[in-house]
Amino acid sequence: MKFTIKMVAASALVACAGGAFAQKGETVKVAWLDPLSGLMAAVGTNQLKSFQFVAEEFNKKNASGVKFEIIGIDNKLSPQETTSALRSAMDQGARFVVQGNGSGPALAIIDALEKHNARNPGKEVVYLNYAAVDPDLTNSKCSYWHFRLDADTSMKMEAMTTFMKDQAEVKKVYLINQNYSHGHQVSKYAKENLKRKRPDVQVVGDDLHPLAQVRDFSPYIAKIKQSGADTVITGNWGSDLALLIKAANDAGLNNVNFYTYYGGVTGSPTAMGAGAAGRVYMVSYNHLNLPGDIGRIVGEYKKKFNDDMYTGAVYHAFSMLDAAFVKAKSTDPAKVAAAMEGMKFNSFNGEVEMRKTDHQLQQGLFVNRWEKAGGKYPVDAENTGYTFVPVKYYEPYVASTPTSCQMKRPS
């Protein structure tokens, strides 16, 4: 199995050789708006640390010569709190914001920035979305000021079902997802793609549950058992996935494979443990054992925090901003947004492209399986001795999906 993964720090390094730009020496404030309280606090804490750590790495050396400063604000996973957090971030001088946990908060940022940027020319703010994957955010609700660094729900399902169509053991599928836009989209695209690629597969259950509120998933596991499902597809993340898998293990549900989006997120690896080996899959744009600079950073992060840096889009964010600062010869958000449109840059999974039409990053995707760590894949998750091992890599064109975005660009 061959994966063509290239690694360079930033394509802009060549472009700026010998050059000096206006932004050299500037401090660029980046506001991070995600949960630091509630059931998803552990996820948010990990991701804030990841942004702070990678900012320190880029501050040591970057092509544009800037210094990144991260401002972390708890949005309590609430769209309303996110709007308040955004105002606070702008008051503190942040002109770039990052967010990823929850499509509701993501839409709140988009709506707020559409109004703010229209009313305040010269004081624009740009939003980098590192994990909110509702396809509508780059389709019917797309915005010039929003750039998504993760693959959206439809892209991940395209890759996942392309893999599943060749798995003869997949015959009866149960869908269980969080009851908000992302969960609805996972359910929708799973049914559509399976019908198109494997019409023989039966969907024997389709449950939606409250986001970040369920503490005992045993009733859902009982329904899965009763359905006769051999496969579960879930877009759950954070405590909702960790507790789902824990309940499955506790109930002895060891004859069912789980296909996940977020199996590597805080708490889930520990919940899986040895009992889930070979039975849990994850579709993602990265894994913990990538080579090159990202592998070094993941290793140093683990040494410092005894934790996993699983959100690779953090690296995308700094790589893209750095390259855009060089291209624009400025850190002005309006100029940077124009530079990022259609830009191709090298990140940890080869050349990626920020599609101009809808500001959706086009990138390769892995299907990974939970297995014992070792050999080519020695870095384990949450000190379990197990890790997600890539079993298939899909080039960007395989998972790319069309867009209906009608981008309104500033004059």
Foldseek 3Di string as FASTA:
>chain_A
DDADWDADQKPCQVVCVVHAFPCAAAEAEEEEEEACDAQQNVQVVLVLVVLVLVLVVVCVDFRHNYRYDYHYDHQNQDLVSLLVSVVVSVVVPHQEYEYEPEVSVVLSVLVVQVVVCVVDPLRHHAYEYQHHAQQCCLFVVFELRYAYLWHHLLLLLLVVVVVVLPVVVQAEEEEEEEPDRRSVVNVVNNVVSCCVRPVRHHHQYHYYHHASPDQACLVVLVVVVVSPGQEYEYADERPVQLRNLLSCVVVVVQRHAYEYAHCQGPNNCVSCFPSCAPRYKHKTQDWQLQDDPSVVSQVVSCVVPVAGNGRQCSSVVVNLQSSLCSVQSHNRSLSSSVSQQQDWMQHRRGIWTLHNQRNYIQFKMFIWGKHAADDSGNDDHSPRRITTHTPDIGGRVSSDDDHNDPYDDDD
